[in-house]
Amino acid sequence: MAEAFKNLINADTVRAAATHLKRAWPKFDTRRFEALALQGLDGLELKARAMQLCASLEATLPADFEQAAVIIEASLAPARGDEDLAALRSNDAGLAGWVVWPLSEFVARRGLSEPHRGLRALHALTQRFTAEWAIRPFIEQHPDISFATLQRWCGDPSAHVRRLVSEGSRPRLPWGAQLKALIADPSPTLPLLRALQDDPSAYVRRSVANHLNDIAKDHPALIVEWLRTQLPGAPPERRALLKHACRTLIKQGHAQVLQAWGLGRALRGTAQLSLTPHRLSVGESLQLHVSLNSTAARAQTLLIDYAVHHVKAAGHTTPKVFKGWSVELPARGRLTLDKRHSMRAVTTRRYHAGRHELDLRINGAVCARAVFELSL
């Protein structure tokens, strides 16, 4: 069994932090820090553990933020030159990896009164572990300073720093507080995304795609315009980025976005959908079988998704779209497609018994439907 995610921050993490902070500042009270940080730690989830370590830092680092920032920076391991965040770990040379989360949270709490210095500290921290959550209060409270800094960082030698430009300013960043002002008006981030969409690092480009997908949820017309200007003649890497950025709108069957990708035309022919078994329980799998028959004289490019209409506690249903296939249907040809869909319980969805519908969506249009019964 895989180790619990929360254990990424543990007693060894606390001891490593104490050791390297003491190395950087001999007056650091390691005994008090460890006592505060370890109190009830095993009973906390991951984020709560990070926040407890941050509170322990607030109680033991100097009140002067400049002095505290110098100590934190001196405690860090040398920055990695590659992009593998998962490989970042504390070692004899200093701190890196998940232990840096509470350090960056400390900067977010204590550095807001000195935004230039706080952002400089985050520049160092994000090269040892992402500072994408910690930078968000700076963007909210000091937008002019923050966006001027992010613009400079677009040319930073470190891919970690360039990624922070995009990831830290995402309107709807997972695990991060939503940036309401950017949800309402994402225009301040658009010059940053233009500067980074052709970044040499795939790690950075993926963040740009996710950022654009965030924007798509609230401003689809902006993404349509982005495609109009950025897709024609785009190199393969940018095309891949833009396709990933459009995933939500493609799933929704947005006509203009589908048209931009050459997927705007309805299926010319017929589609049949069957499901087996017709009755199943949570934890089992559903088998989808699709038959396509073309009546067109030319081949058709088809993007095929499907939506499961999950029964909710009140008895109504809500659709959840899943990726299916991207295929070329030959002229007057036939294709059969099969896919297994798991009804295994997941933490983000609660299943309810009852009659569920599944619909097949081809180039955004519903072309076939089938039903199944789910029991608990």
Protein backbone atom coordinates (compact mmCIF):
# COMPACT_ATOMS: atom_id res chain seq x y z
CA MET A 1 0.00 0.00 0.00
CA ALA A 2 1.28 3.46 -0.92
CA GLU A 3 2.29 5.71 1.96
CA ALA A 4 -0.28 8.34 2.97
CA PHE A 5 0.16 11.61 1.09
CA LYS A 6 0.19 13.57 4.34
CA ASN A 7 3.43 11.85 5.36
CA LEU A 8 5.34 13.93 2.84
CA ILE A 9 5.69 16.27 5.83
CA ASN A 10 6.74 14.27 8.88
CA ALA A 11 9.04 14.21 11.90
CA ASP A 12 12.10 13.86 9.67
CA THR A 13 10.96 16.97 7.79
CA VAL A 14 10.79 18.88 11.07
CA ARG A 15 14.23 17.72 12.15
CA ALA A 16 15.75 18.63 8.77
CA ALA A 17 14.25 22.11 8.99
CA ALA A 18 15.60 22.54 12.53
CA THR A 19 19.07 21.36 11.53
CA HIS A 20 19.49 23.67 8.54
CA LEU A 21 17.88 26.71 10.14
CA LYS A 22 20.27 26.24 13.07
CA ARG A 23 23.15 26.00 10.60
CA ALA A 24 22.04 29.27 8.99
CA TRP A 25 21.37 30.99 12.33
CA PRO A 26 23.13 29.53 15.39
CA LYS A 27 20.64 31.27 17.72
CA PHE A 28 17.70 29.33 16.27
CA ASP A 29 15.78 27.60 19.08
CA THR A 30 15.56 24.08 17.65
CA ARG A 31 14.06 22.60 20.80
CA ARG A 32 11.13 25.00 20.84
CA PHE A 33 10.63 24.74 17.08
CA GLU A 34 10.52 20.94 17.18
CA ALA A 35 8.17 20.89 20.17
CA LEU A 36 5.72 23.22 18.43
CA ALA A 37 6.01 21.58 15.01
CA LEU A 38 5.65 17.98 16.24
CA GLN A 39 2.71 18.55 18.57
CA GLY A 40 -0.10 16.32 17.24
CA LEU A 41 1.55 16.25 13.80
CA ASP A 42 0.62 12.63 13.06
CA GLY A 43 -3.07 13.42 13.36
CA LEU A 44 -3.01 16.25 10.79
CA GLU A 45 -3.54 16.15 7.03
CA LEU A 46 -0.87 17.47 4.65
CA LYS A 47 -1.89 21.13 4.41
CA ALA A 48 -2.54 21.35 8.14
CA ARG A 49 0.95 19.95 8.75
CA ALA A 50 2.48 22.61 6.50
CA MET A 51 0.55 25.36 8.29
CA GLN A 52 1.62 24.03 11.72
CA LEU A 53 5.27 24.13 10.67
CA CYS A 54 4.75 27.66 9.40
CA ALA A 55 3.26 28.73 12.74
CA SER A 56 6.28 27.14 14.47
CA LEU A 57 8.57 29.19 12.23
CA GLU A 58 6.68 32.36 13.12
CA ALA A 59 7.27 31.60 16.79
CA THR A 60 11.01 30.95 16.43
CA LEU A 61 12.45 33.00 13.53
CA PRO A 62 13.38 36.69 14.06
CA ALA A 63 10.58 39.23 14.00
CA ASP A 64 12.57 41.30 11.50
CA PHE A 65 11.54 39.95 8.09
CA GLU A 66 14.80 40.84 6.33
CA GLN A 67 16.78 38.87 8.91
CA ALA A 68 14.34 35.95 8.73
CA ALA A 69 14.48 35.90 4.92
CA VAL A 70 18.28 35.80 4.94
CA ILE A 71 18.18 32.82 7.34
CA ILE A 72 15.62 30.96 5.22
CA GLU A 73 17.60 31.51 2.03
CA ALA A 74 20.81 30.35 3.72
CA SER A 75 19.09 27.15 4.88
CA LEU A 76 18.25 26.03 1.33
CA ALA A 77 19.96 23.34 -0.70
CA PRO A 78 21.63 24.38 -3.96
CA ALA A 79 19.06 24.90 -6.71
CA ARG A 80 18.62 22.07 -9.22
CA GLY A 81 19.30 22.87 -12.83
CA ASP A 82 16.62 20.49 -14.14
CA GLU A 83 12.85 20.62 -13.91
CA ASP A 84 12.12 17.54 -11.82
CA LEU A 85 10.29 18.89 -8.78
CA ALA A 86 9.62 15.36 -7.56
CA ALA A 87 13.36 14.83 -7.18
CA LEU A 88 13.78 17.80 -4.85
CA ARG A 89 14.70 16.58 -1.36
CA SER A 90 16.53 17.98 1.64
CA ASN A 91 20.10 16.75 1.98
CA ASP A 92 23.25 17.57 3.88
CA ALA A 93 23.62 20.76 1.84
CA GLY A 94 20.23 22.22 2.79
CA LEU A 95 16.45 22.19 2.51
CA ALA A 96 14.41 21.31 -0.57
CA GLY A 97 11.14 19.54 -1.38
CA TRP A 98 7.98 19.56 0.73
CA VAL A 99 9.69 21.12 3.75
CA VAL A 100 9.91 24.35 1.71
CA TRP A 101 6.11 24.72 1.62
CA PRO A 102 5.92 26.04 5.23
CA LEU A 103 8.93 28.28 4.53
CA SER A 104 7.14 29.87 1.57
CA GLU A 105 3.96 30.20 3.64
CA PHE A 106 6.01 32.07 6.25
CA VAL A 107 7.08 34.50 3.53
CA ALA A 108 3.46 34.89 2.39
CA ARG A 109 2.40 35.79 5.93
CA ARG A 110 5.31 37.89 7.10
CA GLY A 111 6.66 39.37 3.89
CA LEU A 112 3.60 41.23 2.61
CA SER A 113 4.68 44.44 4.30
CA GLU A 114 7.97 44.23 2.35
CA PRO A 115 6.77 42.96 -1.04
CA HIS A 116 10.03 43.45 -2.98
CA ARG A 117 11.96 41.47 -0.37
CA GLY A 118 9.20 38.89 -0.04
CA LEU A 119 9.14 38.24 -3.77
CA ARG A 120 12.91 37.91 -3.82
CA ALA A 121 12.65 35.23 -1.16
CA LEU A 122 9.99 33.39 -3.19
CA HIS A 123 12.31 33.52 -6.20
CA ALA A 124 14.80 31.46 -4.20
CA LEU A 125 12.22 29.16 -2.61
CA THR A 126 10.45 28.22 -5.83
CA GLN A 127 13.70 26.75 -7.15
CA ARG A 128 13.59 24.21 -4.28
CA PHE A 129 9.80 23.69 -4.17
CA THR A 130 6.99 25.54 -5.88
CA ALA A 131 5.95 28.88 -4.37
CA GLU A 132 2.74 28.95 -6.45
CA TRP A 133 0.49 29.21 -3.38
CA ALA A 134 2.65 31.68 -1.47
CA ILE A 135 2.83 34.25 -4.26
CA ARG A 136 -0.93 34.70 -4.47
CA PRO A 137 -1.30 37.07 -1.49
CA PHE A 138 1.38 39.29 -3.08
CA ILE A 139 -0.60 39.38 -6.34
CA GLU A 140 -3.76 40.29 -4.45
CA GLN A 141 -2.28 42.96 -2.18
CA HIS A 142 0.52 44.33 -4.37
CA PRO A 143 -0.58 43.74 -7.97
CA ASP A 144 1.57 46.43 -9.59
CA ILE A 145 4.77 45.27 -7.92
CA SER A 146 3.91 41.61 -8.44
CA PHE A 147 3.10 41.84 -12.15
CA ALA A 148 6.18 43.95 -12.85
CA THR A 149 8.24 41.27 -11.08
CA LEU A 150 6.51 38.43 -12.94
CA GLN A 151 7.19 40.15 -16.25
CA ARG A 152 10.92 40.23 -15.45
CA TRP A 153 10.84 36.61 -14.36
CA CYS A 154 9.56 35.55 -17.80
CA GLY A 155 13.21 35.72 -18.87
CA ASP A 156 14.69 34.06 -15.79
CA PRO A 157 17.23 31.27 -16.43
CA SER A 158 15.37 28.93 -14.07
CA ALA A 159 12.40 27.01 -15.49
CA HIS A 160 11.07 26.81 -11.92
CA VAL A 161 10.88 30.60 -11.76
CA ARG A 162 9.35 30.94 -15.23
CA ARG A 163 6.74 28.33 -14.34
CA LEU A 164 5.90 30.29 -11.17
CA VAL A 165 4.99 33.26 -13.37
CA SER A 166 2.18 31.26 -14.96
CA GLU A 167 1.25 28.84 -12.19
CA GLY A 168 1.24 31.36 -9.36
CA SER A 169 -1.07 33.74 -11.23
CA ARG A 170 -3.59 31.10 -12.35
CA PRO A 171 -7.08 32.36 -11.48
CA ARG A 172 -8.28 28.95 -10.24
CA LEU A 173 -5.14 27.22 -9.03
CA PRO A 174 -5.84 23.86 -7.31
CA TRP A 175 -5.12 24.02 -3.56
CA GLY A 176 -4.71 27.80 -3.85
CA ALA A 177 -7.05 30.64 -2.97
CA GLN A 178 -8.91 31.83 -6.05
CA LEU A 179 -7.71 35.17 -7.45
CA LYS A 180 -11.12 36.81 -7.77
CA ALA A 181 -9.82 39.89 -9.57
CA LEU A 182 -8.19 37.72 -12.26
CA ILE A 183 -11.27 35.53 -12.57
CA ALA A 184 -13.22 38.69 -13.37
CA ASP A 185 -10.52 40.18 -15.62
CA PRO A 186 -7.56 37.99 -16.67
CA SER A 187 -5.99 40.70 -18.85
CA PRO A 188 -3.02 41.36 -16.50
CA THR A 189 -1.74 37.82 -17.06
CA LEU A 190 -2.14 37.68 -20.84
CA PRO A 191 1.22 39.35 -21.67
CA LEU A 192 2.90 36.83 -19.35
CA LEU A 193 1.26 33.89 -21.09
CA ARG A 194 2.20 35.21 -24.54
CA ALA A 195 5.80 35.51 -23.41
CA LEU A 196 5.84 31.94 -22.07
CA GLN A 197 3.71 29.97 -24.53
CA ASP A 198 6.78 29.15 -26.65
CA ASP A 199 9.08 28.58 -23.67
CA PRO A 200 11.75 25.92 -24.33
CA SER A 201 10.59 24.02 -21.24
CA ALA A 202 7.60 21.68 -21.59
CA TYR A 203 7.20 22.04 -17.83
CA VAL A 204 6.56 25.78 -18.26
CA ARG A 205 4.36 25.36 -21.34
CA ARG A 206 2.10 22.90 -19.53
CA SER A 207 1.51 25.51 -16.83
CA VAL A 208 0.59 28.06 -19.50
CA ALA A 209 -1.91 25.57 -20.96
CA ASN A 210 -3.47 25.01 -17.55
CA HIS A 211 -3.64 28.76 -16.96
CA LEU A 212 -5.41 29.32 -20.29
CA ASN A 213 -7.80 26.48 -19.42
CA ASP A 214 -8.62 28.30 -16.17
CA ILE A 215 -9.43 31.42 -18.19
CA ALA A 216 -11.57 29.38 -20.59
CA LYS A 217 -13.96 28.50 -17.77
CA ASP A 218 -14.95 32.15 -17.35
CA HIS A 219 -13.99 33.83 -20.64
CA PRO A 220 -14.40 31.39 -23.54
CA ALA A 221 -14.50 34.23 -26.07
CA LEU A 222 -10.99 35.23 -25.01
CA ILE A 223 -9.73 31.73 -25.79
CA VAL A 224 -11.46 31.80 -29.16
CA GLU A 225 -9.62 35.03 -29.95
CA TRP A 226 -6.35 33.56 -28.64
CA LEU A 227 -6.74 30.65 -31.04
CA ARG A 228 -7.51 33.00 -33.90
CA THR A 229 -4.21 34.84 -33.46
CA GLN A 230 -1.93 32.16 -32.01
CA LEU A 231 -2.91 28.91 -33.73
CA PRO A 232 -2.28 29.70 -37.45
CA GLY A 233 1.27 28.71 -38.30
CA ALA A 234 1.99 27.63 -34.72
CA PRO A 235 4.91 25.22 -34.21
CA PRO A 236 4.03 21.72 -32.93
CA GLU A 237 4.84 22.58 -29.31
CA ARG A 238 2.47 25.55 -29.30
CA ARG A 239 -0.25 23.55 -31.02
CA ALA A 240 0.01 20.91 -28.28
CA LEU A 241 -0.16 23.65 -25.62
CA LEU A 242 -3.22 25.25 -27.20
CA LYS A 243 -4.98 21.91 -27.60
CA HIS A 244 -4.47 21.20 -23.90
CA ALA A 245 -5.64 24.72 -23.04
CA CYS A 246 -8.89 24.07 -24.92
CA ARG A 247 -9.75 20.79 -23.21
CA THR A 248 -12.62 22.18 -21.14
CA LEU A 249 -14.21 23.99 -24.07
CA ILE A 250 -13.75 20.96 -26.32
CA LYS A 251 -15.47 18.77 -23.74
CA GLN A 252 -18.30 21.30 -23.60
CA GLY A 253 -18.66 21.16 -27.37
CA HIS A 254 -17.91 24.86 -27.84
CA ALA A 255 -18.65 25.37 -31.53
CA GLN A 256 -16.03 28.02 -32.33
CA VAL A 257 -13.26 26.16 -30.51
CA LEU A 258 -14.13 22.91 -32.24
CA GLN A 259 -14.15 24.74 -35.56
CA ALA A 260 -10.70 26.18 -34.87
CA TRP A 261 -9.40 22.63 -34.53
CA GLY A 262 -11.21 21.39 -37.62
CA LEU A 263 -13.77 19.55 -35.53
CA GLY A 264 -16.79 21.75 -36.12
CA ARG A 265 -18.71 19.56 -38.55
CA ALA A 266 -21.33 17.11 -37.36
CA LEU A 267 -20.91 13.40 -38.00
CA ARG A 268 -22.06 12.44 -41.47
CA GLY A 269 -23.32 8.96 -40.83
CA THR A 270 -24.59 7.04 -37.83
CA ALA A 271 -23.32 6.21 -34.38
CA GLN A 272 -24.48 3.36 -32.17
CA LEU A 273 -23.63 3.00 -28.48
CA SER A 274 -24.06 -0.05 -26.28
CA LEU A 275 -23.10 -0.66 -22.65
CA THR A 276 -22.35 -3.85 -20.75
CA PRO A 277 -23.34 -4.80 -18.19
CA HIS A 278 -26.65 -2.98 -17.90
CA ARG A 279 -26.56 -3.36 -14.12
CA LEU A 280 -23.44 -2.94 -12.02
CA SER A 281 -22.27 -1.93 -8.58
CA VAL A 282 -19.89 0.75 -7.39
CA GLY A 283 -16.36 -0.61 -7.83
CA GLU A 284 -17.17 -2.43 -11.06
CA SER A 285 -16.54 -1.28 -14.63
CA LEU A 286 -18.72 -0.41 -17.58
CA GLN A 287 -17.76 -1.45 -21.09
CA LEU A 288 -18.56 1.04 -23.87
CA HIS A 289 -18.93 -0.26 -27.42
CA VAL A 290 -19.28 2.30 -30.24
CA SER A 291 -20.03 1.60 -33.90
CA LEU A 292 -19.54 4.38 -36.47
CA ASN A 293 -20.74 4.27 -40.08
CA SER A 294 -19.84 7.02 -42.53
CA THR A 295 -22.09 8.25 -45.34
CA ALA A 296 -19.56 10.87 -46.44
CA ALA A 297 -17.44 10.79 -49.57
CA ARG A 298 -14.43 12.06 -47.62
CA ALA A 299 -12.70 11.01 -44.43
CA GLN A 300 -13.94 12.71 -41.25
CA THR A 301 -11.85 13.83 -38.28
CA LEU A 302 -13.87 13.08 -35.14
CA LEU A 303 -13.31 13.95 -31.51
CA ILE A 304 -15.42 11.58 -29.45
CA ASP A 305 -16.13 12.13 -25.76
CA TYR A 306 -18.83 10.76 -23.52
CA ALA A 307 -20.76 12.09 -20.53
CA VAL A 308 -21.96 10.06 -17.57
CA HIS A 309 -25.05 11.62 -15.99
CA HIS A 310 -24.43 10.82 -12.33
CA VAL A 311 -27.41 10.53 -10.01
CA LYS A 312 -27.22 12.98 -7.11
CA ALA A 313 -28.56 12.66 -3.57
CA ALA A 314 -31.70 14.66 -4.42
CA GLY A 315 -32.47 12.36 -7.34
CA HIS A 316 -31.51 14.65 -10.25
CA THR A 317 -28.52 13.96 -12.50
CA THR A 318 -25.50 16.01 -13.53
CA PRO A 319 -23.19 15.18 -16.47
CA LYS A 320 -19.46 14.61 -16.17
CA VAL A 321 -17.60 14.55 -19.49
CA PHE A 322 -14.78 12.04 -20.03
CA LYS A 323 -12.24 11.80 -22.84
CA GLY A 324 -12.94 9.14 -25.41
CA TRP A 325 -11.18 8.92 -28.78
CA SER A 326 -9.74 11.08 -31.53
CA VAL A 327 -10.20 9.19 -34.80
CA GLU A 328 -10.23 9.47 -38.57
CA LEU A 329 -13.38 7.84 -39.97
CA PRO A 330 -12.68 6.68 -43.56
CA ALA A 331 -14.93 7.75 -46.45
CA ARG A 332 -18.04 5.56 -46.35
CA GLY A 333 -16.16 3.43 -43.84
CA ARG A 334 -16.82 1.86 -40.49
CA LEU A 335 -15.08 1.95 -37.13
CA THR A 336 -15.69 0.12 -33.88
CA LEU A 337 -14.36 1.51 -30.63
CA ASP A 338 -14.28 0.04 -27.14
CA LYS A 339 -13.49 1.59 -23.81
CA ARG A 340 -13.65 0.53 -20.19
CA HIS A 341 -15.09 3.06 -17.72
CA SER A 342 -14.48 2.43 -14.04
CA MET A 343 -17.19 3.14 -11.47
CA ARG A 344 -14.65 2.80 -8.68
CA ALA A 345 -15.23 5.11 -5.72
CA VAL A 346 -13.05 8.24 -5.75
CA THR A 347 -12.63 10.98 -3.17
CA THR A 348 -13.93 13.69 -5.52
CA ARG A 349 -17.23 11.98 -6.37
CA ARG A 350 -19.94 10.30 -4.33
CA TYR A 351 -22.04 7.73 -6.16
CA HIS A 352 -25.77 7.23 -5.64
CA ALA A 353 -27.84 4.26 -6.72
CA GLY A 354 -30.25 4.59 -9.61
CA ARG A 355 -30.68 4.88 -13.34
CA HIS A 356 -27.73 6.61 -15.00
CA GLU A 357 -27.54 7.86 -18.57
CA LEU A 358 -24.42 7.92 -20.72
CA ASP A 359 -24.32 9.98 -23.91
CA LEU A 360 -21.83 9.94 -26.76
CA ARG A 361 -20.58 13.30 -28.01
CA ILE A 362 -19.00 13.55 -31.45
CA ASN A 363 -17.47 16.91 -32.36
CA GLY A 364 -19.50 18.41 -29.53
CA ALA A 365 -22.90 17.03 -30.54
CA VAL A 366 -24.74 14.26 -28.70
CA CYS A 367 -25.12 11.41 -31.19
CA ALA A 368 -26.21 8.41 -29.10
CA ARG A 369 -27.43 7.54 -25.62
CA ALA A 370 -27.64 4.47 -23.39
CA VAL A 371 -28.59 3.78 -19.78
CA PHE A 372 -27.38 1.57 -16.95
CA GLU A 373 -28.44 0.86 -13.37
CA LEU A 374 -25.95 1.47 -10.57
CA SER A 375 -26.29 -0.07 -7.13
CA LEU A 376 -24.25 0.55 -4.02
